[in-house]
Amino acid sequence: MTDDPFKSGQLILQMEVKKYCDKKDIDKLKKLSMHCIENAWHKIEFCEVERGIHGATPVEMLHAIQHGLHEYLIASFFDQRKEKKQKKETRKNREYLS
């Protein structure tokens, strides 16, 4: 869903991550793509209070690429081409019926 800029979802909250780390709840952390480490940023009010460091930093590109970002990019190019072709065929059909 990384190709949809309007996709809404659940944001990662700093206190939530800290809570799971304190409880050593590895499964919940995995679902958030987080690890159970003592994070120095969890003790600091950084930018946005609720999201903290998790809301203030962009996607780390190496991991985004390794986890398939390039596949989304390629698919989006082909989707645009397919959409353009469909519009062209629709236009031809309208001209034919006129």
Protein backbone atom coordinates (compact mmCIF):
# COMPACT_ATOMS: atom_id res chain seq x y z
CA MET A 1 0.00 0.00 0.00
CA THR A 2 3.05 2.25 -0.14
CA ASP A 3 1.99 3.48 -3.57
CA ASP A 4 -1.20 5.07 -2.19
CA PRO A 5 -0.42 8.50 -0.68
CA PHE A 6 -3.99 8.77 0.64
CA LYS A 7 -3.99 5.40 2.42
CA SER A 8 -4.87 5.84 6.04
CA GLY A 9 -3.62 3.45 8.62
CA GLN A 10 -2.57 3.09 12.18
CA LEU A 11 0.42 5.24 13.08
CA ILE A 12 3.18 3.89 15.28
CA LEU A 13 3.06 5.57 18.67
CA GLN A 14 6.20 5.93 20.73
CA MET A 15 4.54 4.94 24.02
CA GLU A 16 3.08 1.83 22.38
CA VAL A 17 6.49 0.66 21.19
CA LYS A 18 8.04 1.43 24.58
CA LYS A 19 5.24 -0.48 26.35
CA TYR A 20 5.82 -3.58 24.19
CA CYS A 21 9.58 -3.32 24.73
CA ASP A 22 9.10 -3.07 28.50
CA LYS A 23 6.85 -6.15 28.43
CA LYS A 24 9.23 -7.92 26.01
CA ASP A 25 6.23 -8.60 23.73
CA ILE A 26 8.19 -9.65 20.64
CA ASP A 27 5.11 -10.64 18.61
CA LYS A 28 3.45 -7.22 18.93
CA LEU A 29 6.75 -5.50 18.08
CA LYS A 30 7.18 -7.68 14.98
CA LYS A 31 3.74 -6.60 13.75
CA LEU A 32 4.98 -3.00 13.97
CA SER A 33 8.31 -3.93 12.30
CA MET A 34 10.12 -3.03 15.51
CA HIS A 35 12.75 -4.74 17.64
CA CYS A 36 12.97 -5.02 21.41
CA ILE A 37 15.88 -2.68 22.09
CA GLU A 38 16.41 0.09 24.59
CA ASN A 39 15.89 3.14 22.41
CA ALA A 40 17.40 6.38 23.71
CA TRP A 41 14.82 8.36 21.72
CA HIS A 42 11.94 6.93 23.75
CA LYS A 43 13.05 9.06 26.70
CA ILE A 44 13.25 12.29 24.71
CA GLU A 45 10.39 14.51 23.53
CA PHE A 46 11.28 14.67 19.88
CA CYS A 47 9.11 16.67 17.45
CA GLU A 48 5.65 15.21 17.81
CA VAL A 49 5.04 14.02 21.37
CA GLU A 50 2.77 11.07 20.57
CA ARG A 51 4.72 9.58 17.65
CA GLY A 52 8.17 10.73 18.74
CA ILE A 53 11.09 9.49 16.67
CA HIS A 54 8.78 7.14 14.73
CA GLY A 55 6.85 10.05 13.26
CA ALA A 56 9.78 12.39 12.75
CA THR A 57 12.01 10.25 10.56
CA PRO A 58 11.40 9.16 6.96
CA VAL A 59 11.43 5.60 5.68
CA GLU A 60 14.89 4.08 5.77
CA MET A 61 15.51 3.51 2.06
CA LEU A 62 17.71 0.39 2.20
CA HIS A 63 15.04 -1.59 4.04
CA ALA A 64 12.23 -0.14 1.92
CA ILE A 65 14.03 -1.29 -1.22
CA GLN A 66 14.89 -4.69 0.25
CA HIS A 67 11.26 -5.24 1.21
CA GLY A 68 9.93 -4.59 -2.29
CA LEU A 69 9.48 -0.87 -2.90
CA HIS A 70 10.86 -1.29 -6.43
CA GLU A 71 8.11 -3.83 -7.19
CA TYR A 72 5.47 -1.24 -6.25
CA LEU A 73 7.14 1.36 -8.46
CA ILE A 74 7.27 -0.95 -11.48
CA ALA A 75 3.65 -2.01 -10.95
CA SER A 76 2.54 1.62 -10.77
CA PHE A 77 4.21 2.39 -14.13
CA PHE A 78 2.46 -0.55 -15.78
CA ASP A 79 -0.87 0.42 -14.16
CA GLN A 80 -0.54 3.92 -15.62
CA ARG A 81 0.24 2.51 -19.05
CA LYS A 82 -2.73 0.12 -18.83
CA GLU A 83 -5.00 2.99 -17.77
CA LYS A 84 -3.79 5.14 -20.69
CA LYS A 85 -4.44 2.28 -23.11
CA GLN A 86 -7.97 1.78 -21.74
CA LYS A 87 -8.74 5.49 -22.17
CA LYS A 88 -7.46 5.36 -25.75
CA GLU A 89 -9.67 2.33 -26.54
CA THR A 90 -12.69 4.04 -24.98
CA ARG A 91 -12.07 7.11 -27.12
CA LYS A 92 -11.85 4.95 -30.28
CA ASN A 93 -15.11 3.19 -29.40
CA ARG A 94 -16.88 6.55 -28.94
CA GLU A 95 -15.60 7.74 -32.30
CA TYR A 96 -16.74 4.50 -33.94
CA LEU A 97 -20.24 4.80 -32.48
CA SER A 98 -20.57 8.47 -33.52
